[in-house]
Each structure stands twice: as C-alpha cells, then as structure tokens.
Amino acid sequence: MFDSSIQRSGVAAKIVRVFWSPISSMSGMALFIIAGSRFSYAINAAAALLWVFILSAFINTAQHGIASNARNKMFNVLLSSFSGSLYFFLLYLLNPLFAMETILVCALVPVFFIGSKFCSSLEKSPADEVFQEAMYEPLSLAGLTMGFSLIREPLGFGTLSIPGGKRGIIELFNTQEGYFYPVQLISSSTGALFLLAYIIVILRYIDKERKSAI
C-alpha cells in the first residue's frame, strides 16, 4: 500500500514505517478499520494479537527440536487457528455477548499472523530471537488501532467504551445528550480511510520538512 520510499531515518519516518508495516496487508488493514471503530473493539484486537503471536511463538520455540518438516506453512496455519480459537473460547466464557459482537475481529487475527513477516521467518530465526520478532508487528498494529479508535469512537459515536457489563461493553461517557453531535461518517469504513489518508499526508509532510531542513 505504501511504497518503500517512506522508510527513511528520523522520528517521522519511523512513525510512517510503523503505519507501512502492519497495515500493508489486507488482513492488517481490515483489522485496523473494523477494530478501530470502537475503543472496546480495539482493546479486544490488541489482546487477541498479543495472545496469538506470543502463544504461537512459545509453541514454535518449545517444539524447536521436532523434525523440520513439521515447521511448515500448514503447521503455522493450524497453530494460529488453534491460538485464535482458544482466545475466542476464553473470551466467550468471560463475556459471551462481547465475544459474539467481535467474532470477526478475533477471526482476522490468525489471518494477520499467517501473512506476517514473523510467520514466514519462523524457520530461519533462532529460538532466542523468536519472541523479539513476534512482538513488533502485533504491538504496532495494536497501538495504531487503539490510538485510531480514540479518535473515531468519540467523534463518530460520541462515546468511549471498554469491554464489560451486561451489554458486552461499558460506555465511559456519552456526549449525545449534550451539545455535541457525533459525525456518523467517521465511524464508518469510509470515514476511517479518510482519517488514515489525512494522517499519512501529515506524516509525509513532517518527514519532507525534516529532510529539507538537513
């Protein structure tokens, strides 16, 4: 989605690189847009990402001594599917309504894992480097999604929610009863793409100004 020319040195370039890496795949972009609509969804996506990546890394490290033919693409598909299913099962036990509401978010996490650089480099990485490589992509996507949801939910719904309660989510505040009228477009996928485009433009402008000042 974003070309490699934005990967330069400097703070702005590093921030742009964070955008470029985790959401450069279709699954990462879909997870970013869907889970970024509400802060509660973003929290769930962040927890699912960390769970799937860390558990998958741990299992891969634990079975490092098994024959190498077991460490192939199909094994990683089964591993990530198992990790994602286990996470969804535990979430369903804790909060059934919220789990059913975010089933697509949970389903996209194993897909993102399969398409990640970490998954493709499992066979090449030593056991002591697996966890370090496993953390960058999920942390980047989780941080971006949570930050994005803090903009989209208050502006799009006029609320800010966290998981919990009888309805699945708890609204920390609701501005619709006051003088603030939320912009429904921002809560949609179209609004998310508009906001993302503005953020990328701003970051590229900052990086361009930094480069011209050198």
C-alpha atoms as a PDB file:
ATOM      1  CA  MET A   1       0.000   0.000   0.000  1.00  0.00           C
ATOM      2  CA  PHE A   2       2.750   2.438   0.920  1.00  0.00           C
ATOM      3  CA  ASP A   3       5.965   2.368  -1.052  1.00  0.00           C
ATOM      4  CA  SER A   4       9.361   1.752   0.482  1.00  0.00           C
ATOM      5  CA  SER A   5      10.478   5.344  -0.154  1.00  0.00           C
ATOM      6  CA  ILE A   6       8.852   6.471   3.099  1.00  0.00           C
ATOM      7  CA  GLN A   7      11.275   4.325   5.122  1.00  0.00           C
ATOM      8  CA  ARG A   8      13.866   6.965   5.946  1.00  0.00           C
ATOM      9  CA  SER A   9      15.665   7.920   9.120  1.00  0.00           C
ATOM     10  CA  GLY A  10      14.132  10.310  11.647  1.00  0.00           C
ATOM     11  CA  VAL A  11      11.226  10.225  14.056  1.00  0.00           C
ATOM     12  CA  ALA A  12       8.549  10.936  11.449  1.00  0.00           C
ATOM     13  CA  ALA A  13       9.954   8.283   9.130  1.00  0.00           C
ATOM     14  CA  LYS A  14       9.875   5.709  11.923  1.00  0.00           C
ATOM     15  CA  ILE A  15       6.237   6.545  12.634  1.00  0.00           C
ATOM     16  CA  VAL A  16       5.405   6.221   8.934  1.00  0.00           C
ATOM     17  CA  ARG A  17       7.226   2.884   8.882  1.00  0.00           C
ATOM     18  CA  VAL A  18       5.008   1.673  11.721  1.00  0.00           C
ATOM     19  CA  PHE A  19       1.999   2.507   9.530  1.00  0.00           C
ATOM     20  CA  TRP A  20       3.593   0.905   6.494  1.00  0.00           C
ATOM     21  CA  SER A  21       4.425  -2.469   8.015  1.00  0.00           C
ATOM     22  CA  PRO A  22       1.388  -3.848   9.924  1.00  0.00           C
ATOM     23  CA  ILE A  23      -1.367  -2.448   7.687  1.00  0.00           C
ATOM     24  CA  SER A  24       0.338  -3.164   4.381  1.00  0.00           C
ATOM     25  CA  SER A  25      -1.572  -6.467   4.188  1.00  0.00           C
ATOM     26  CA  MET A  26      -5.304  -6.787   3.541  1.00  0.00           C
ATOM     27  CA  SER A  27      -5.890  -8.616   6.833  1.00  0.00           C
ATOM     28  CA  GLY A  28      -3.995  -5.962   8.782  1.00  0.00           C
ATOM     29  CA  MET A  29      -5.937  -3.150   7.109  1.00  0.00           C
ATOM     30  CA  ALA A  30      -9.269  -4.914   7.675  1.00  0.00           C
ATOM     31  CA  LEU A  31      -8.450  -5.483  11.348  1.00  0.00           C
ATOM     32  CA  PHE A  32      -7.302  -1.871  11.682  1.00  0.00           C
ATOM     33  CA  ILE A  33     -10.537  -0.464  10.231  1.00  0.00           C
ATOM     34  CA  ILE A  34     -13.021  -2.831  11.891  1.00  0.00           C
ATOM     35  CA  ALA A  35     -11.481  -2.882  15.378  1.00  0.00           C
ATOM     36  CA  GLY A  36     -10.680   0.844  15.222  1.00  0.00           C
ATOM     37  CA  SER A  37     -14.347   1.812  15.192  1.00  0.00           C
ATOM     38  CA  ARG A  38     -14.647   1.434  18.979  1.00  0.00           C
ATOM     39  CA  PHE A  39     -12.087   1.521  21.771  1.00  0.00           C
ATOM     40  CA  SER A  40     -13.545  -1.663  23.287  1.00  0.00           C
ATOM     41  CA  TYR A  41     -13.056  -3.476  19.967  1.00  0.00           C
ATOM     42  CA  ALA A  42      -9.500  -2.146  19.748  1.00  0.00           C
ATOM     43  CA  ILE A  43      -8.720  -3.453  23.248  1.00  0.00           C
ATOM     44  CA  ASN A  44     -10.012  -6.868  22.219  1.00  0.00           C
ATOM     45  CA  ALA A  45      -7.959  -6.787  18.999  1.00  0.00           C
ATOM     46  CA  ALA A  46      -4.809  -5.845  20.931  1.00  0.00           C
ATOM     47  CA  ALA A  47      -5.338  -8.668  23.433  1.00  0.00           C
ATOM     48  CA  ALA A  48      -6.025 -11.173  20.630  1.00  0.00           C
ATOM     49  CA  LEU A  49      -2.912 -10.083  18.708  1.00  0.00           C
ATOM     50  CA  LEU A  50      -0.630 -10.455  21.708  1.00  0.00           C
ATOM     51  CA  TRP A  51      -2.213 -13.783  22.660  1.00  0.00           C
ATOM     52  CA  VAL A  52      -1.921 -15.355  19.204  1.00  0.00           C
ATOM     53  CA  PHE A  53       1.593 -14.086  18.454  1.00  0.00           C
ATOM     54  CA  ILE A  54       3.107 -14.856  21.867  1.00  0.00           C
ATOM     55  CA  LEU A  55       1.438 -18.265  22.229  1.00  0.00           C
ATOM     56  CA  SER A  56       2.413 -19.218  18.680  1.00  0.00           C
ATOM     57  CA  ALA A  57       5.984 -18.074  19.296  1.00  0.00           C
ATOM     58  CA  PHE A  58       6.119 -20.048  22.531  1.00  0.00           C
ATOM     59  CA  ILE A  59       4.840 -23.254  20.903  1.00  0.00           C
ATOM     60  CA  ASN A  60       7.230 -22.857  17.982  1.00  0.00           C
ATOM     61  CA  THR A  61      10.120 -22.383  20.387  1.00  0.00           C
ATOM     62  CA  ALA A  62       9.035 -25.347  22.506  1.00  0.00           C
ATOM     63  CA  GLN A  63       8.903 -27.713  19.522  1.00  0.00           C
ATOM     64  CA  HIS A  64      12.148 -26.420  18.019  1.00  0.00           C
ATOM     65  CA  GLY A  65      13.684 -29.864  18.299  1.00  0.00           C
ATOM     66  CA  ILE A  66      10.920 -31.578  16.314  1.00  0.00           C
ATOM     67  CA  ALA A  67      11.629 -32.570  12.731  1.00  0.00           C
ATOM     68  CA  SER A  68      11.796 -29.574  10.422  1.00  0.00           C
ATOM     69  CA  ASN A  69       9.055 -30.872   8.124  1.00  0.00           C
ATOM     70  CA  ALA A  70       6.584 -30.060  10.897  1.00  0.00           C
ATOM     71  CA  ARG A  71       7.612 -26.395  10.770  1.00  0.00           C
ATOM     72  CA  ASN A  72       5.882 -25.533   7.508  1.00  0.00           C
ATOM     73  CA  LYS A  73       3.067 -23.259   6.380  1.00  0.00           C
ATOM     74  CA  MET A  74       0.306 -25.710   7.226  1.00  0.00           C
ATOM     75  CA  PHE A  75       1.663 -26.142  10.745  1.00  0.00           C
ATOM     76  CA  ASN A  76       1.608 -22.355  11.235  1.00  0.00           C
ATOM     77  CA  VAL A  77      -1.956 -22.180   9.919  1.00  0.00           C
ATOM     78  CA  LEU A  78      -3.076 -24.832  12.394  1.00  0.00           C
ATOM     79  CA  LEU A  79      -1.084 -23.216  15.190  1.00  0.00           C
ATOM     80  CA  SER A  80      -2.512 -19.717  14.692  1.00  0.00           C
ATOM     81  CA  SER A  81      -6.039 -21.114  14.254  1.00  0.00           C
ATOM     82  CA  PHE A  82      -5.707 -23.036  17.499  1.00  0.00           C
ATOM     83  CA  SER A  83      -4.366 -19.976  19.354  1.00  0.00           C
ATOM     84  CA  GLY A  84      -7.132 -17.758  17.974  1.00  0.00           C
ATOM     85  CA  SER A  85      -9.841 -20.292  18.766  1.00  0.00           C
ATOM     86  CA  LEU A  86      -8.555 -20.695  22.311  1.00  0.00           C
ATOM     87  CA  TYR A  87      -8.606 -16.925  22.800  1.00  0.00           C
ATOM     88  CA  PHE A  88     -12.168 -16.669  21.488  1.00  0.00           C
ATOM     89  CA  PHE A  89     -13.280 -19.540  23.736  1.00  0.00           C
ATOM     90  CA  LEU A  90     -11.846 -17.834  26.831  1.00  0.00           C
ATOM     91  CA  LEU A  91     -13.382 -14.510  25.791  1.00  0.00           C
ATOM     92  CA  TYR A  92     -16.741 -16.209  25.299  1.00  0.00           C
ATOM     93  CA  LEU A  93     -16.584 -17.634  28.813  1.00  0.00           C
ATOM     94  CA  LEU A  94     -15.866 -14.187  30.253  1.00  0.00           C
ATOM     95  CA  ASN A  95     -18.179 -12.069  28.105  1.00  0.00           C
ATOM     96  CA  PRO A  96     -20.388 -14.032  25.659  1.00  0.00           C
ATOM     97  CA  LEU A  97     -22.179 -11.028  24.153  1.00  0.00           C
ATOM     98  CA  PHE A  98     -18.969  -9.097  23.537  1.00  0.00           C
ATOM     99  CA  ALA A  99     -17.334 -12.217  22.067  1.00  0.00           C
ATOM    100  CA  MET A 100     -20.133 -12.660  19.537  1.00  0.00           C
ATOM    101  CA  GLU A 101     -20.013  -8.946  18.739  1.00  0.00           C
ATOM    102  CA  THR A 102     -16.284  -9.096  17.948  1.00  0.00           C
ATOM    103  CA  ILE A 103     -16.109 -12.536  16.332  1.00  0.00           C
ATOM    104  CA  LEU A 104     -14.824 -11.063  13.046  1.00  0.00           C
ATOM    105  CA  VAL A 105     -12.042  -9.216  14.880  1.00  0.00           C
ATOM    106  CA  CYS A 106     -10.951 -12.453  16.556  1.00  0.00           C
ATOM    107  CA  ALA A 107     -11.128 -14.337  13.246  1.00  0.00           C
ATOM    108  CA  LEU A 108      -8.902 -11.810  11.449  1.00  0.00           C
ATOM    109  CA  VAL A 109      -6.028 -12.090  13.946  1.00  0.00           C
ATOM    110  CA  PRO A 110      -4.866 -15.608  12.857  1.00  0.00           C
ATOM    111  CA  VAL A 111      -5.120 -14.463   9.228  1.00  0.00           C
ATOM    112  CA  PHE A 112      -2.873 -11.499  10.025  1.00  0.00           C
ATOM    113  CA  PHE A 113      -0.449 -13.847  11.768  1.00  0.00           C
ATOM    114  CA  ILE A 114      -0.184 -16.073   8.681  1.00  0.00           C
ATOM    115  CA  GLY A 115       0.617 -13.080   6.480  1.00  0.00           C
ATOM    116  CA  SER A 116       3.117 -11.538   8.893  1.00  0.00           C
ATOM    117  CA  LYS A 117       6.876 -11.442   8.416  1.00  0.00           C
ATOM    118  CA  PHE A 118       7.254 -13.249  11.714  1.00  0.00           C
ATOM    119  CA  CYS A 119       5.365 -16.289  10.450  1.00  0.00           C
ATOM    120  CA  SER A 120       7.470 -16.523   7.291  1.00  0.00           C
ATOM    121  CA  SER A 121      10.731 -16.252   9.257  1.00  0.00           C
ATOM    122  CA  LEU A 122       9.967 -18.860  11.920  1.00  0.00           C
ATOM    123  CA  GLU A 123      12.223 -21.468  10.350  1.00  0.00           C
ATOM    124  CA  LYS A 124      15.126 -19.028   9.957  1.00  0.00           C
ATOM    125  CA  SER A 125      15.056 -17.373  13.378  1.00  0.00           C
ATOM    126  CA  PRO A 126      16.933 -18.815  16.382  1.00  0.00           C
ATOM    127  CA  ALA A 127      14.824 -19.656  19.382  1.00  0.00           C
ATOM    128  CA  ASP A 128      16.095 -16.679  21.433  1.00  0.00           C
ATOM    129  CA  GLU A 129      15.062 -14.202  18.705  1.00  0.00           C
ATOM    130  CA  VAL A 130      11.576 -15.548  18.076  1.00  0.00           C
ATOM    131  CA  PHE A 131       9.862 -13.564  20.810  1.00  0.00           C
ATOM    132  CA  GLN A 132      11.587 -10.307  19.793  1.00  0.00           C
ATOM    133  CA  GLU A 133      10.422 -10.696  16.208  1.00  0.00           C
ATOM    134  CA  ALA A 134       6.950 -11.732  17.376  1.00  0.00           C
ATOM    135  CA  MET A 135       6.383  -8.517  19.295  1.00  0.00           C
ATOM    136  CA  TYR A 136       6.954  -5.787  16.697  1.00  0.00           C
ATOM    137  CA  GLU A 137       4.050  -6.387  14.309  1.00  0.00           C
ATOM    138  CA  PRO A 138       1.271  -7.089  16.869  1.00  0.00           C
ATOM    139  CA  LEU A 139       2.390  -4.212  19.116  1.00  0.00           C
ATOM    140  CA  SER A 140       2.485  -1.809  16.169  1.00  0.00           C
ATOM    141  CA  LEU A 141      -0.950  -2.814  14.898  1.00  0.00           C
ATOM    142  CA  ALA A 142      -2.431  -2.882  18.419  1.00  0.00           C
ATOM    143  CA  GLY A 143      -1.068   0.578  19.240  1.00  0.00           C
ATOM    144  CA  LEU A 144      -2.244   2.064  15.948  1.00  0.00           C
ATOM    145  CA  THR A 145      -5.716   0.537  16.289  1.00  0.00           C
ATOM    146  CA  MET A 146      -6.201   1.711  19.871  1.00  0.00           C
ATOM    147  CA  GLY A 147      -4.982   5.206  19.050  1.00  0.00           C
ATOM    148  CA  PHE A 148      -7.221   5.345  15.980  1.00  0.00           C
ATOM    149  CA  SER A 149     -10.258   4.206  17.979  1.00  0.00           C
ATOM    150  CA  LEU A 150      -9.711   7.036  20.476  1.00  0.00           C
ATOM    151  CA  ILE A 151     -10.365   9.410  17.591  1.00  0.00           C
ATOM    152  CA  ARG A 152     -13.100   7.533  15.737  1.00  0.00           C
ATOM    153  CA  GLU A 153     -15.384   6.492  18.591  1.00  0.00           C
ATOM    154  CA  PRO A 154     -15.739   9.871  20.351  1.00  0.00           C
ATOM    155  CA  LEU A 155     -16.169  11.726  17.041  1.00  0.00           C
ATOM    156  CA  GLY A 156     -18.294   9.071  15.319  1.00  0.00           C
ATOM    157  CA  PHE A 157     -20.444   7.752  18.181  1.00  0.00           C
ATOM    158  CA  GLY A 158     -19.974  10.427  20.842  1.00  0.00           C
ATOM    159  CA  THR A 159     -18.955   7.755  23.339  1.00  0.00           C
ATOM    160  CA  LEU A 160     -15.931   5.875  24.659  1.00  0.00           C
ATOM    161  CA  SER A 161     -16.379   2.209  25.541  1.00  0.00           C
ATOM    162  CA  ILE A 162     -14.497  -0.603  27.233  1.00  0.00           C
ATOM    163  CA  PRO A 163     -15.330  -4.340  27.390  1.00  0.00           C
ATOM    164  CA  GLY A 164     -17.600  -5.433  30.235  1.00  0.00           C
ATOM    165  CA  GLY A 165     -21.116  -5.158  31.591  1.00  0.00           C
ATOM    166  CA  LYS A 166     -24.312  -6.981  30.727  1.00  0.00           C
ATOM    167  CA  ARG A 167     -24.456  -5.477  27.222  1.00  0.00           C
ATOM    168  CA  GLY A 168     -20.894  -6.514  26.395  1.00  0.00           C
ATOM    169  CA  ILE A 169     -19.439  -3.003  26.565  1.00  0.00           C
ATOM    170  CA  ILE A 170     -19.461  -0.191  29.121  1.00  0.00           C
ATOM    171  CA  GLU A 171     -19.694   3.406  27.904  1.00  0.00           C
ATOM    172  CA  LEU A 172     -17.435   5.634  29.971  1.00  0.00           C
ATOM    173  CA  PHE A 173     -19.249   8.731  28.737  1.00  0.00           C
ATOM    174  CA  ASN A 174     -21.904   9.733  26.230  1.00  0.00           C
ATOM    175  CA  THR A 175     -21.873  13.194  24.673  1.00  0.00           C
ATOM    176  CA  GLN A 176     -25.001  12.719  22.575  1.00  0.00           C
ATOM    177  CA  GLU A 177     -27.124  14.039  25.439  1.00  0.00           C
ATOM    178  CA  GLY A 178     -25.239  17.356  25.432  1.00  0.00           C
ATOM    179  CA  TYR A 179     -24.438  19.877  22.730  1.00  0.00           C
ATOM    180  CA  PHE A 180     -22.027  17.673  20.783  1.00  0.00           C
ATOM    181  CA  TYR A 181     -23.372  15.891  17.724  1.00  0.00           C
ATOM    182  CA  PRO A 182     -21.201  12.990  16.507  1.00  0.00           C
ATOM    183  CA  VAL A 183     -20.249  12.693  12.856  1.00  0.00           C
ATOM    184  CA  GLN A 184     -21.543   9.278  11.816  1.00  0.00           C
ATOM    185  CA  LEU A 185     -19.303   9.163   8.738  1.00  0.00           C
ATOM    186  CA  ILE A 186     -16.191   8.839  10.895  1.00  0.00           C
ATOM    187  CA  SER A 187     -17.497   5.642  12.497  1.00  0.00           C
ATOM    188  CA  SER A 188     -17.858   4.015   9.060  1.00  0.00           C
ATOM    189  CA  SER A 189     -15.146   2.383   6.957  1.00  0.00           C
ATOM    190  CA  THR A 190     -15.171   5.353   4.586  1.00  0.00           C
ATOM    191  CA  GLY A 191     -14.505   7.742   7.438  1.00  0.00           C
ATOM    192  CA  ALA A 192     -11.692   5.509   8.679  1.00  0.00           C
ATOM    193  CA  LEU A 193      -9.989   5.627   5.266  1.00  0.00           C
ATOM    194  CA  PHE A 194     -10.373   9.403   5.149  1.00  0.00           C
ATOM    195  CA  LEU A 195      -8.768   9.794   8.578  1.00  0.00           C
ATOM    196  CA  LEU A 196      -5.981   7.385   7.661  1.00  0.00           C
ATOM    197  CA  ALA A 197      -5.265   9.343   4.479  1.00  0.00           C
ATOM    198  CA  TYR A 198      -5.028  12.611   6.420  1.00  0.00           C
ATOM    199  CA  ILE A 199      -2.663  11.053   8.963  1.00  0.00           C
ATOM    200  CA  ILE A 200      -0.386   9.666   6.243  1.00  0.00           C
ATOM    201  CA  VAL A 201      -0.333  13.045   4.456  1.00  0.00           C
ATOM    202  CA  ILE A 202       0.603  14.837   7.684  1.00  0.00           C
ATOM    203  CA  LEU A 203       3.361  12.346   8.473  1.00  0.00           C
ATOM    204  CA  ARG A 204       4.785  12.599   4.965  1.00  0.00           C
ATOM    205  CA  TYR A 205       4.722  16.402   5.201  1.00  0.00           C
ATOM    206  CA  ILE A 206       6.592  16.279   8.519  1.00  0.00           C
ATOM    207  CA  ASP A 207       9.140  13.896   7.061  1.00  0.00           C
ATOM    208  CA  LYS A 208       9.565  16.105   3.973  1.00  0.00           C
ATOM    209  CA  GLU A 209      10.142  19.194   6.143  1.00  0.00           C
ATOM    210  CA  ARG A 210      12.676  17.291   8.241  1.00  0.00           C
ATOM    211  CA  LYS A 211      14.557  16.149   5.163  1.00  0.00           C
ATOM    212  CA  SER A 212      14.654  19.661   3.625  1.00  0.00           C
ATOM    213  CA  ALA A 213      15.962  21.097   6.900  1.00  0.00           C
ATOM    214  CA  ILE A 214      19.007  18.794   6.907  1.00  0.00           C
END
